[in-house]
PDB file of N, CA and C in Angstrom:
ATOM      1  N   MET A   1       0.847  -1.168   0.000  1.00  0.00           N
ATOM      2  CA  MET A   1       0.000   0.000   0.000  1.00  0.00           C
ATOM      3  C   MET A   1       0.902   1.244   0.000  1.00  0.00           C
ATOM      4  N   SER A   2       0.572   2.210  -0.805  1.00  0.00           N
ATOM      5  CA  SER A   2       1.386   3.421  -0.907  1.00  0.00           C
ATOM      6  C   SER A   2       1.241   4.283   0.348  1.00  0.00           C
ATOM      7  N   VAL A   3       2.217   5.161   0.558  1.00  0.00           N
ATOM      8  CA  VAL A   3       2.179   6.076   1.695  1.00  0.00           C
ATOM      9  C   VAL A   3       0.919   6.934   1.614  1.00  0.00           C
ATOM     10  N   TYR A   4       0.612   7.431   0.419  1.00  0.00           N
ATOM     11  CA  TYR A   4      -0.581   8.263   0.249  1.00  0.00           C
ATOM     12  C   TYR A   4      -1.842   7.484   0.645  1.00  0.00           C
ATOM     13  N   ALA A   5      -1.939   6.244   0.207  1.00  0.00           N
ATOM     14  CA  ALA A   5      -3.122   5.428   0.515  1.00  0.00           C
ATOM     15  C   ALA A   5      -3.245   5.184   2.021  1.00  0.00           C
ATOM     16  N   VAL A   6      -2.132   4.959   2.682  1.00  0.00           N
ATOM     17  CA  VAL A   6      -2.155   4.744   4.131  1.00  0.00           C
ATOM     18  C   VAL A   6      -2.628   6.015   4.838  1.00  0.00           C
ATOM     19  N   LEU A   7      -2.054   7.164   4.454  1.00  0.00           N
ATOM     20  CA  LEU A   7      -2.457   8.427   5.073  1.00  0.00           C
ATOM     21  C   LEU A   7      -3.910   8.763   4.750  1.00  0.00           C
ATOM     22  N   GLU A   8      -4.341   8.428   3.546  1.00  0.00           N
ATOM     23  CA  GLU A   8      -5.739   8.653   3.167  1.00  0.00           C
ATOM     24  C   GLU A   8      -6.666   7.847   4.078  1.00  0.00           C
ATOM     25  N   SER A   9      -6.268   6.629   4.379  1.00  0.00           N
ATOM     26  CA  SER A   9      -7.042   5.784   5.289  1.00  0.00           C
ATOM     27  C   SER A   9      -7.086   6.386   6.695  1.00  0.00           C
ATOM     28  N   VAL A  10      -5.946   6.909   7.159  1.00  0.00           N
ATOM     29  CA  VAL A  10      -5.887   7.559   8.471  1.00  0.00           C
ATOM     30  C   VAL A  10      -6.856   8.740   8.515  1.00  0.00           C
ATOM     31  N   VAL A  11      -6.822   9.562   7.487  1.00  0.00           N
ATOM     32  CA  VAL A  11      -7.669  10.754   7.429  1.00  0.00           C
ATOM     33  C   VAL A  11      -9.150  10.363   7.387  1.00  0.00           C
ATOM     34  N   GLN A  12      -9.494   9.381   6.580  1.00  0.00           N
ATOM     35  CA  GLN A  12     -10.890   8.950   6.479  1.00  0.00           C
ATOM     36  C   GLN A  12     -11.407   8.430   7.820  1.00  0.00           C
ATOM     37  N   ARG A  13     -10.603   7.609   8.486  1.00  0.00           N
ATOM     38  CA  ARG A  13     -11.037   7.046   9.768  1.00  0.00           C
ATOM     39  C   ARG A  13     -11.123   8.128  10.836  1.00  0.00           C
ATOM     40  N   ALA A  14     -10.182   9.061  10.827  1.00  0.00           N
ATOM     41  CA  ALA A  14     -10.207  10.159  11.797  1.00  0.00           C
ATOM     42  C   ALA A  14     -11.452  11.017  11.595  1.00  0.00           C
ATOM     43  N   ASN A  15     -11.805  11.269  10.345  1.00  0.00           N
ATOM     44  CA  ASN A  15     -12.988  12.084  10.062  1.00  0.00           C
ATOM     45  C   ASN A  15     -14.285  11.369  10.441  1.00  0.00           C
ATOM     46  N   GLN A  16     -14.251  10.051  10.507  1.00  0.00           N
ATOM     47  CA  GLN A  16     -15.419   9.294  10.944  1.00  0.00           C
ATOM     48  C   GLN A  16     -15.588   9.352  12.466  1.00  0.00           C
ATOM     49  N   SER A  17     -14.505   9.706  13.165  1.00  0.00           N
ATOM     50  CA  SER A  17     -14.525   9.827  14.624  1.00  0.00           C
ATOM     51  C   SER A  17     -13.921  11.176  15.007  1.00  0.00           C
ATOM     52  N   PRO A  18     -14.676  12.261  14.840  1.00  0.00           N
ATOM     53  CA  PRO A  18     -14.132  13.605  15.068  1.00  0.00           C
ATOM     54  C   PRO A  18     -13.530  13.818  16.457  1.00  0.00           C
ATOM     55  N   GLU A  19     -13.935  13.005  17.439  1.00  0.00           N
ATOM     56  CA  GLU A  19     -13.345  13.148  18.774  1.00  0.00           C
ATOM     57  C   GLU A  19     -11.840  12.869  18.747  1.00  0.00           C
ATOM     58  N   THR A  20     -11.396  12.091  17.767  1.00  0.00           N
ATOM     59  CA  THR A  20      -9.968  11.823  17.569  1.00  0.00           C
ATOM     60  C   THR A  20      -9.220  13.113  17.267  1.00  0.00           C
ATOM     61  N   LEU A  21      -9.907  14.041  16.638  1.00  0.00           N
ATOM     62  CA  LEU A  21      -9.290  15.290  16.192  1.00  0.00           C
ATOM     63  C   LEU A  21      -9.496  16.445  17.168  1.00  0.00           C
ATOM     64  N   ALA A  22     -10.219  16.197  18.249  1.00  0.00           N
ATOM     65  CA  ALA A  22     -10.494  17.253  19.220  1.00  0.00           C
ATOM     66  C   ALA A  22      -9.188  17.818  19.775  1.00  0.00           C
ATOM     67  N   GLY A  23      -9.103  19.123  19.810  1.00  0.00           N
ATOM     68  CA  GLY A  23      -7.924  19.790  20.339  1.00  0.00           C
ATOM     69  C   GLY A  23      -6.779  19.952  19.358  1.00  0.00           C
ATOM     70  N   LEU A  24      -6.946  19.431  18.159  1.00  0.00           N
ATOM     71  CA  LEU A  24      -5.901  19.564  17.142  1.00  0.00           C
ATOM     72  C   LEU A  24      -6.252  20.685  16.177  1.00  0.00           C
ATOM     73  N   ASN A  25      -5.310  21.539  15.939  1.00  0.00           N
ATOM     74  CA  ASN A  25      -5.438  22.606  14.949  1.00  0.00           C
ATOM     75  C   ASN A  25      -4.023  22.814  14.411  1.00  0.00           C
ATOM     76  N   THR A  26      -3.642  21.943  13.494  1.00  0.00           N
ATOM     77  CA  THR A  26      -2.243  21.889  13.081  1.00  0.00           C
ATOM     78  C   THR A  26      -2.085  21.306  11.686  1.00  0.00           C
ATOM     79  N   VAL A  27      -0.885  21.457  11.147  1.00  0.00           N
ATOM     80  CA  VAL A  27      -0.523  20.835   9.870  1.00  0.00           C
ATOM     81  C   VAL A  27       0.673  19.936  10.129  1.00  0.00           C
ATOM     82  N   TYR A  28       0.485  18.650   9.856  1.00  0.00           N
ATOM     83  CA  TYR A  28       1.566  17.673   9.945  1.00  0.00           C
ATOM     84  C   TYR A  28       2.106  17.439   8.546  1.00  0.00           C
ATOM     85  N   GLN A  29       3.414  17.454   8.419  1.00  0.00           N
ATOM     86  CA  GLN A  29       4.035  17.142   7.136  1.00  0.00           C
ATOM     87  C   GLN A  29       4.850  15.868   7.307  1.00  0.00           C
ATOM     88  N   PHE A  30       4.671  14.949   6.373  1.00  0.00           N
ATOM     89  CA  PHE A  30       5.412  13.695   6.376  1.00  0.00           C
ATOM     90  C   PHE A  30       6.334  13.699   5.164  1.00  0.00           C
ATOM     91  N   ASN A  31       7.636  13.702   5.400  1.00  0.00           N
ATOM     92  CA  ASN A  31       8.622  13.576   4.333  1.00  0.00           C
ATOM     93  C   ASN A  31       9.077  12.124   4.348  1.00  0.00           C
ATOM     94  N   VAL A  32       8.588  11.374   3.368  1.00  0.00           N
ATOM     95  CA  VAL A  32       8.839   9.937   3.332  1.00  0.00           C
ATOM     96  C   VAL A  32       9.609   9.604   2.059  1.00  0.00           C
ATOM     97  N   SER A  33      10.860   9.230   2.245  1.00  0.00           N
ATOM     98  CA  SER A  33      11.722   8.835   1.129  1.00  0.00           C
ATOM     99  C   SER A  33      11.641   9.806  -0.051  1.00  0.00           C
ATOM    100  N   GLY A  34      11.759  11.088   0.244  1.00  0.00           N
ATOM    101  CA  GLY A  34      11.810  12.106  -0.807  1.00  0.00           C
ATOM    102  C   GLY A  34      10.463  12.649  -1.268  1.00  0.00           C
ATOM    103  N   GLN A  35       9.373  12.121  -0.781  1.00  0.00           N
ATOM    104  CA  GLN A  35       8.033  12.603  -1.122  1.00  0.00           C
ATOM    105  C   GLN A  35       7.431  13.297   0.103  1.00  0.00           C
ATOM    106  N   SER A  36       6.615  14.333  -0.129  1.00  0.00           N
ATOM    107  CA  SER A  36       5.994  15.060   0.977  1.00  0.00           C
ATOM    108  C   SER A  36       4.475  14.941   0.920  1.00  0.00           C
ATOM    109  N   TYR A  37       3.901  14.755   2.095  1.00  0.00           N
ATOM    110  CA  TYR A  37       2.451  14.669   2.260  1.00  0.00           C
ATOM    111  C   TYR A  37       2.099  15.490   3.489  1.00  0.00           C
ATOM    112  N   GLN A  38       0.948  16.125   3.473  1.00  0.00           N
ATOM    113  CA  GLN A  38       0.521  16.915   4.614  1.00  0.00           C
ATOM    114  C   GLN A  38      -0.886  16.519   5.047  1.00  0.00           C
ATOM    115  N   VAL A  39      -1.071  16.517   6.344  1.00  0.00           N
ATOM    116  CA  VAL A  39      -2.389  16.309   6.937  1.00  0.00           C
ATOM    117  C   VAL A  39      -2.698  17.577   7.722  1.00  0.00           C
ATOM    118  N   LYS A  40      -3.711  18.285   7.277  1.00  0.00           N
ATOM    119  CA  LYS A  40      -4.141  19.514   7.950  1.00  0.00           C
ATOM    120  C   LYS A  40      -5.361  19.176   8.791  1.00  0.00           C
ATOM    121  N   VAL A  41      -5.284  19.513  10.072  1.00  0.00           N
ATOM    122  CA  VAL A  41      -6.388  19.262  10.993  1.00  0.00           C
ATOM    123  C   VAL A  41      -6.882  20.603  11.508  1.00  0.00           C
ATOM    124  N   GLU A  42      -8.185  20.826  11.305  1.00  0.00           N
ATOM    125  CA  GLU A  42      -8.790  22.091  11.710  1.00  0.00           C
ATOM    126  C   GLU A  42     -10.281  21.857  11.922  1.00  0.00           C
ATOM    127  N   ASN A  43     -10.821  22.369  13.016  1.00  0.00           N
ATOM    128  CA  ASN A  43     -12.250  22.252  13.319  1.00  0.00           C
ATOM    129  C   ASN A  43     -12.743  20.803  13.282  1.00  0.00           C
ATOM    130  N   LYS A  44     -11.964  19.915  13.888  1.00  0.00           N
ATOM    131  CA  LYS A  44     -12.302  18.485  13.974  1.00  0.00           C
ATOM    132  C   LYS A  44     -12.472  17.831  12.607  1.00  0.00           C
ATOM    133  N   LYS A  45     -11.705  18.298  11.626  1.00  0.00           N
ATOM    134  CA  LYS A  45     -11.721  17.716  10.278  1.00  0.00           C
ATOM    135  C   LYS A  45     -10.292  17.646   9.769  1.00  0.00           C
ATOM    136  N   ALA A  46      -9.946  16.516   9.168  1.00  0.00           N
ATOM    137  CA  ALA A  46      -8.611  16.315   8.609  1.00  0.00           C
ATOM    138  C   ALA A  46      -8.688  16.278   7.086  1.00  0.00           C
ATOM    139  N   VAL A  47      -7.665  16.863   6.453  1.00  0.00           N
ATOM    140  CA  VAL A  47      -7.566  16.899   4.997  1.00  0.00           C
ATOM    141  C   VAL A  47      -6.156  16.463   4.619  1.00  0.00           C
ATOM    142  N   LEU A  48      -6.047  15.603   3.622  1.00  0.00           N
ATOM    143  CA  LEU A  48      -4.750  15.120   3.137  1.00  0.00           C
ATOM    144  C   LEU A  48      -4.368  15.844   1.860  1.00  0.00           C
ATOM    145  N   ALA A  49      -3.098  16.229   1.747  1.00  0.00           N
ATOM    146  CA  ALA A  49      -2.600  16.887   0.536  1.00  0.00           C
ATOM    147  C   ALA A  49      -1.240  16.296   0.176  1.00  0.00           C
ATOM    148  N   GLU A  50      -1.005  16.159  -1.115  1.00  0.00           N
ATOM    149  CA  GLU A  50       0.318  15.780  -1.597  1.00  0.00           C
ATOM    150  C   GLU A  50       1.131  17.040  -1.788  1.00  0.00           C
ATOM    151  N   GLY A  51       2.424  16.958  -1.513  1.00  0.00           N
ATOM    152  CA  GLY A  51       3.264  18.136  -1.641  1.00  0.00           C
ATOM    153  C   GLY A  51       3.197  18.970  -0.376  1.00  0.00           C
ATOM    154  N   CYS A  52       3.454  20.276  -0.530  1.00  0.00           N
ATOM    155  CA  CYS A  52       3.542  21.174   0.630  1.00  0.00           C
ATOM    156  C   CYS A  52       2.698  22.434   0.442  1.00  0.00           C
ATOM    157  N   PRO A  53       1.369  22.303   0.322  1.00  0.00           N
ATOM    158  CA  PRO A  53       0.545  23.493   0.126  1.00  0.00           C
ATOM    159  C   PRO A  53       0.372  24.351   1.391  1.00  0.00           C
ATOM    160  N   TYR A  54       0.633  23.784   2.566  1.00  0.00           N
ATOM    161  CA  TYR A  54       0.429  24.502   3.823  1.00  0.00           C
ATOM    162  C   TYR A  54       1.753  24.689   4.551  1.00  0.00           C
ATOM    163  N   GLN A  55       1.778  25.636   5.473  1.00  0.00           N
ATOM    164  CA  GLN A  55       2.934  25.827   6.350  1.00  0.00           C
ATOM    165  C   GLN A  55       2.844  24.781   7.465  1.00  0.00           C
ATOM    166  N   PRO A  56       3.799  23.844   7.532  1.00  0.00           N
ATOM    167  CA  PRO A  56       3.700  22.792   8.558  1.00  0.00           C
ATOM    168  C   PRO A  56       4.044  23.292   9.952  1.00  0.00           C
ATOM    169  N   ASP A  57       3.346  22.739  10.940  1.00  0.00           N
ATOM    170  CA  ASP A  57       3.659  23.000  12.339  1.00  0.00           C
ATOM    171  C   ASP A  57       4.610  21.941  12.877  1.00  0.00           C
ATOM    172  N   CYS A  58       4.504  20.754  12.305  1.00  0.00           N
ATOM    173  CA  CYS A  58       5.318  19.623  12.744  1.00  0.00           C
ATOM    174  C   CYS A  58       5.678  18.791  11.513  1.00  0.00           C
ATOM    175  N   THR A  59       6.958  18.553  11.310  1.00  0.00           N
ATOM    176  CA  THR A  59       7.425  17.778  10.158  1.00  0.00           C
ATOM    177  C   THR A  59       8.085  16.499  10.652  1.00  0.00           C
ATOM    178  N   VAL A  60       7.670  15.391  10.057  1.00  0.00           N
ATOM    179  CA  VAL A  60       8.203  14.081  10.394  1.00  0.00           C
ATOM    180  C   VAL A  60       8.940  13.561   9.165  1.00  0.00           C
ATOM    181  N   GLN A  61      10.199  13.202   9.355  1.00  0.00           N
ATOM    182  CA  GLN A  61      11.004  12.695   8.245  1.00  0.00           C
ATOM    183  C   GLN A  61      11.401  11.256   8.540  1.00  0.00           C
ATOM    184  N   LEU A  62      11.146  10.380   7.571  1.00  0.00           N
ATOM    185  CA  LEU A  62      11.444   8.969   7.752  1.00  0.00           C
ATOM    186  C   LEU A  62      11.474   8.261   6.406  1.00  0.00           C
ATOM    187  N   SER A  63      11.967   7.037   6.408  1.00  0.00           N
ATOM    188  CA  SER A  63      12.010   6.251   5.171  1.00  0.00           C
ATOM    189  C   SER A  63      10.661   5.569   4.945  1.00  0.00           C
ATOM    190  N   ASP A  64      10.470   5.123   3.736  1.00  0.00           N
ATOM    191  CA  ASP A  64       9.253   4.389   3.381  1.00  0.00           C
ATOM    192  C   ASP A  64       9.111   3.148   4.266  1.00  0.00           C
ATOM    193  N   GLN A  65      10.202   2.447   4.458  1.00  0.00           N
ATOM    194  CA  GLN A  65      10.191   1.229   5.278  1.00  0.00           C
ATOM    195  C   GLN A  65       9.801   1.545   6.720  1.00  0.00           C
ATOM    196  N   THR A  66      10.405   2.578   7.299  1.00  0.00           N
ATOM    197  CA  THR A  66      10.084   2.959   8.672  1.00  0.00           C
ATOM    198  C   THR A  66       8.622   3.396   8.784  1.00  0.00           C
ATOM    199  N   PHE A  67       8.134   4.148   7.801  1.00  0.00           N
ATOM    200  CA  PHE A  67       6.736   4.582   7.800  1.00  0.00           C
ATOM    201  C   PHE A  67       5.803   3.377   7.879  1.00  0.00           C
ATOM    202  N   HIS A  68       6.035   2.399   7.025  1.00  0.00           N
ATOM    203  CA  HIS A  68       5.155   1.223   7.000  1.00  0.00           C
ATOM    204  C   HIS A  68       5.288   0.391   8.280  1.00  0.00           C
ATOM    205  N   GLN A  69       6.490   0.307   8.835  1.00  0.00           N
ATOM    206  CA  GLN A  69       6.658  -0.418  10.096  1.00  0.00           C
ATOM    207  C   GLN A  69       5.888   0.272  11.222  1.00  0.00           C
ATOM    208  N   LEU A  70       5.949   1.587  11.264  1.00  0.00           N
ATOM    209  CA  LEU A  70       5.195   2.336  12.281  1.00  0.00           C
ATOM    210  C   LEU A  70       3.695   2.128  12.111  1.00  0.00           C
ATOM    211  N   MET A  71       3.232   2.239  10.889  1.00  0.00           N
ATOM    212  CA  MET A  71       1.797   2.146  10.633  1.00  0.00           C
ATOM    213  C   MET A  71       1.246   0.736  10.845  1.00  0.00           C
ATOM    214  N   ASN A  72       2.108  -0.260  10.704  1.00  0.00           N
ATOM    215  CA  ASN A  72       1.678  -1.644  10.913  1.00  0.00           C
ATOM    216  C   ASN A  72       1.884  -2.112  12.353  1.00  0.00           C
ATOM    217  N   GLY A  73       2.370  -1.204  13.207  1.00  0.00           N
ATOM    218  CA  GLY A  73       2.583  -1.554  14.596  1.00  0.00           C
ATOM    219  C   GLY A  73       3.827  -2.387  14.844  1.00  0.00           C
ATOM    220  N   GLN A  74       4.700  -2.476  13.860  1.00  0.00           N
ATOM    221  CA  GLN A  74       5.921  -3.268  14.003  1.00  0.00           C
ATOM    222  C   GLN A  74       7.060  -2.477  14.632  1.00  0.00           C
ATOM    223  N   LEU A  75       6.894  -1.161  14.760  1.00  0.00           N
ATOM    224  CA  LEU A  75       7.933  -0.291  15.307  1.00  0.00           C
ATOM    225  C   LEU A  75       7.277   0.753  16.198  1.00  0.00           C
ATOM    226  N   ASN A  76       7.807   0.907  17.378  1.00  0.00           N
ATOM    227  CA  ASN A  76       7.314   1.894  18.329  1.00  0.00           C
ATOM    228  C   ASN A  76       7.819   3.277  17.909  1.00  0.00           C
ATOM    229  N   PRO A  77       6.945   4.308  17.887  1.00  0.00           N
ATOM    230  CA  PRO A  77       7.373   5.646  17.479  1.00  0.00           C
ATOM    231  C   PRO A  77       8.499   6.226  18.325  1.00  0.00           C
ATOM    232  N   VAL A  78       8.464   5.968  19.627  1.00  0.00           N
ATOM    233  CA  VAL A  78       9.515   6.489  20.506  1.00  0.00           C
ATOM    234  C   VAL A  78      10.851   5.820  20.184  1.00  0.00           C
ATOM    235  N   THR A  79      10.806   4.523  19.965  1.00  0.00           N
ATOM    236  CA  THR A  79      12.020   3.794  19.593  1.00  0.00           C
ATOM    237  C   THR A  79      12.561   4.306  18.265  1.00  0.00           C
ATOM    238  N   ALA A  80      11.681   4.528  17.307  1.00  0.00           N
ATOM    239  CA  ALA A  80      12.102   5.039  15.996  1.00  0.00           C
ATOM    240  C   ALA A  80      12.773   6.401  16.141  1.00  0.00           C
ATOM    241  N   PHE A  81      12.213   7.256  16.996  1.00  0.00           N
ATOM    242  CA  PHE A  81      12.779   8.581  17.224  1.00  0.00           C
ATOM    243  C   PHE A  81      14.139   8.480  17.911  1.00  0.00           C
ATOM    244  N   MET A  82      14.204   7.677  18.952  1.00  0.00           N
ATOM    245  CA  MET A  82      15.444   7.554  19.732  1.00  0.00           C
ATOM    246  C   MET A  82      16.580   6.921  18.929  1.00  0.00           C
ATOM    247  N   THR A  83      16.249   6.082  17.964  1.00  0.00           N
ATOM    248  CA  THR A  83      17.290   5.433  17.151  1.00  0.00           C
ATOM    249  C   THR A  83      17.594   6.206  15.871  1.00  0.00           C
ATOM    250  N   GLY A  84      16.926   7.344  15.681  1.00  0.00           N
ATOM    251  CA  GLY A  84      17.203   8.184  14.519  1.00  0.00           C
ATOM    252  C   GLY A  84      16.498   7.759  13.242  1.00  0.00           C
ATOM    253  N   LYS A  85      15.623   6.785  13.313  1.00  0.00           N
ATOM    254  CA  LYS A  85      14.882   6.351  12.123  1.00  0.00           C
ATOM    255  C   LYS A  85      13.764   7.329  11.778  1.00  0.00           C
ATOM    256  N   LEU A  86      13.389   8.148  12.751  1.00  0.00           N
ATOM    257  CA  LEU A  86      12.333   9.130  12.585  1.00  0.00           C
ATOM    258  C   LEU A  86      12.854  10.448  13.154  1.00  0.00           C
ATOM    259  N   LYS A  87      12.773  11.493  12.353  1.00  0.00           N
ATOM    260  CA  LYS A  87      13.226  12.814  12.791  1.00  0.00           C
ATOM    261  C   LYS A  87      12.031  13.748  12.819  1.00  0.00           C
ATOM    262  N   ILE A  88      11.998  14.598  13.836  1.00  0.00           N
ATOM    263  CA  ILE A  88      10.886  15.539  13.991  1.00  0.00           C
ATOM    264  C   ILE A  88      11.429  16.955  14.031  1.00  0.00           C
ATOM    265  N   GLN A  89      10.786  17.830  13.265  1.00  0.00           N
ATOM    266  CA  GLN A  89      11.102  19.251  13.294  1.00  0.00           C
ATOM    267  C   GLN A  89       9.818  20.005  13.619  1.00  0.00           C
ATOM    268  N   GLY A  90       9.966  21.099  14.339  1.00  0.00           N
ATOM    269  CA  GLY A  90       8.797  21.919  14.647  1.00  0.00           C
ATOM    270  C   GLY A  90       8.281  21.677  16.040  1.00  0.00           C
ATOM    271  N   ASP A  91       6.985  21.821  16.186  1.00  0.00           N
ATOM    272  CA  ASP A  91       6.312  21.781  17.477  1.00  0.00           C
ATOM    273  C   ASP A  91       6.252  20.354  18.034  1.00  0.00           C
ATOM    274  N   MET A  92       7.085  20.097  19.039  1.00  0.00           N
ATOM    275  CA  MET A  92       7.162  18.754  19.619  1.00  0.00           C
ATOM    276  C   MET A  92       5.861  18.365  20.328  1.00  0.00           C
ATOM    277  N   SER A  93       5.134  19.345  20.874  1.00  0.00           N
ATOM    278  CA  SER A  93       3.865  19.011  21.530  1.00  0.00           C
ATOM    279  C   SER A  93       2.862  18.482  20.508  1.00  0.00           C
ATOM    280  N   GLN A  94       2.899  19.006  19.296  1.00  0.00           N
ATOM    281  CA  GLN A  94       2.026  18.499  18.233  1.00  0.00           C
ATOM    282  C   GLN A  94       2.466  17.096  17.797  1.00  0.00           C
ATOM    283  N   ALA A  95       3.761  16.860  17.834  1.00  0.00           N
ATOM    284  CA  ALA A  95       4.275  15.530  17.487  1.00  0.00           C
ATOM    285  C   ALA A  95       3.754  14.485  18.465  1.00  0.00           C
ATOM    286  N   MET A  96       3.661  14.863  19.732  1.00  0.00           N
ATOM    287  CA  MET A  96       3.159  13.934  20.742  1.00  0.00           C
ATOM    288  C   MET A  96       1.690  13.593  20.486  1.00  0.00           C
ATOM    289  N   LYS A  97       0.930  14.545  19.984  1.00  0.00           N
ATOM    290  CA  LYS A  97      -0.489  14.327  19.688  1.00  0.00           C
ATOM    291  C   LYS A  97      -0.691  13.511  18.413  1.00  0.00           C
ATOM    292  N   LEU A  98       0.333  13.461  17.586  1.00  0.00           N
ATOM    293  CA  LEU A  98       0.235  12.754  16.308  1.00  0.00           C
ATOM    294  C   LEU A  98      -0.069  11.277  16.502  1.00  0.00           C
ATOM    295  N   GLN A  99       0.458  10.693  17.560  1.00  0.00           N
ATOM    296  CA  GLN A  99       0.245   9.269  17.799  1.00  0.00           C
ATOM    297  C   GLN A  99      -1.244   8.936  17.892  1.00  0.00           C
ATOM    298  N   ASN A 100      -2.033   9.806  18.529  1.00  0.00           N
ATOM    299  CA  ASN A 100      -3.482   9.562  18.626  1.00  0.00           C
ATOM    300  C   ASN A 100      -4.135   9.586  17.251  1.00  0.00           C
ATOM    301  N   LEU A 101      -3.696  10.505  16.405  1.00  0.00           N
ATOM    302  CA  LEU A 101      -4.249  10.579  15.054  1.00  0.00           C
ATOM    303  C   LEU A 101      -3.904   9.333  14.252  1.00  0.00           C
ATOM    304  N   LEU A 102      -2.664   8.893  14.354  1.00  0.00           N
ATOM    305  CA  LEU A 102      -2.228   7.724  13.580  1.00  0.00           C
ATOM    306  C   LEU A 102      -2.898   6.440  14.056  1.00  0.00           C
ATOM    307  N   LYS A 103      -3.346   6.399  15.278  1.00  0.00           N
ATOM    308  CA  LYS A 103      -4.061   5.219  15.779  1.00  0.00           C
ATOM    309  C   LYS A 103      -5.362   5.016  15.015  1.00  0.00           C
ATOM    310  N   SER A 104      -5.827   6.053  14.340  1.00  0.00           N
ATOM    311  CA  SER A 104      -7.052   5.955  13.542  1.00  0.00           C
ATOM    312  C   SER A 104      -6.901   4.934  12.423  1.00  0.00           C
ATOM    313  N   ARG A 105      -5.679   4.619  12.101  1.00  0.00           N
ATOM    314  CA  ARG A 105      -5.404   3.665  11.013  1.00  0.00           C
ATOM    315  C   ARG A 105      -5.752   2.247  11.428  1.00  0.00           C
ATOM    316  N   LEU A 106      -5.617   1.952  12.712  1.00  0.00           N
ATOM    317  CA  LEU A 106      -5.779   0.570  13.197  1.00  0.00           C
ATOM    318  C   LEU A 106      -7.215   0.125  13.201  1.00  0.00           C
TER     319      LEU A 106
END
């Protein structure tokens, strides 16, 4: 499954459960193996975009392999961060909230 398809699934599931998005008003950018995707969350609604149309609040950089391992539950996000497989730039408090959004995939 492509990175875009996985993120699209996350966004669709999150929008089906707006409580997942409560308290979020941010733009997450995912730089995955040279490609960029953004998830904008505003007013309990998430929107997915390819590229960089918005100013990101939190940017996550990782490889395609690491992305899929995280999304499949094969890799813990904290472990990925501590071992350098996942890099975060921007608002770290928003990065901490990202885990709740990504759980929408499961």
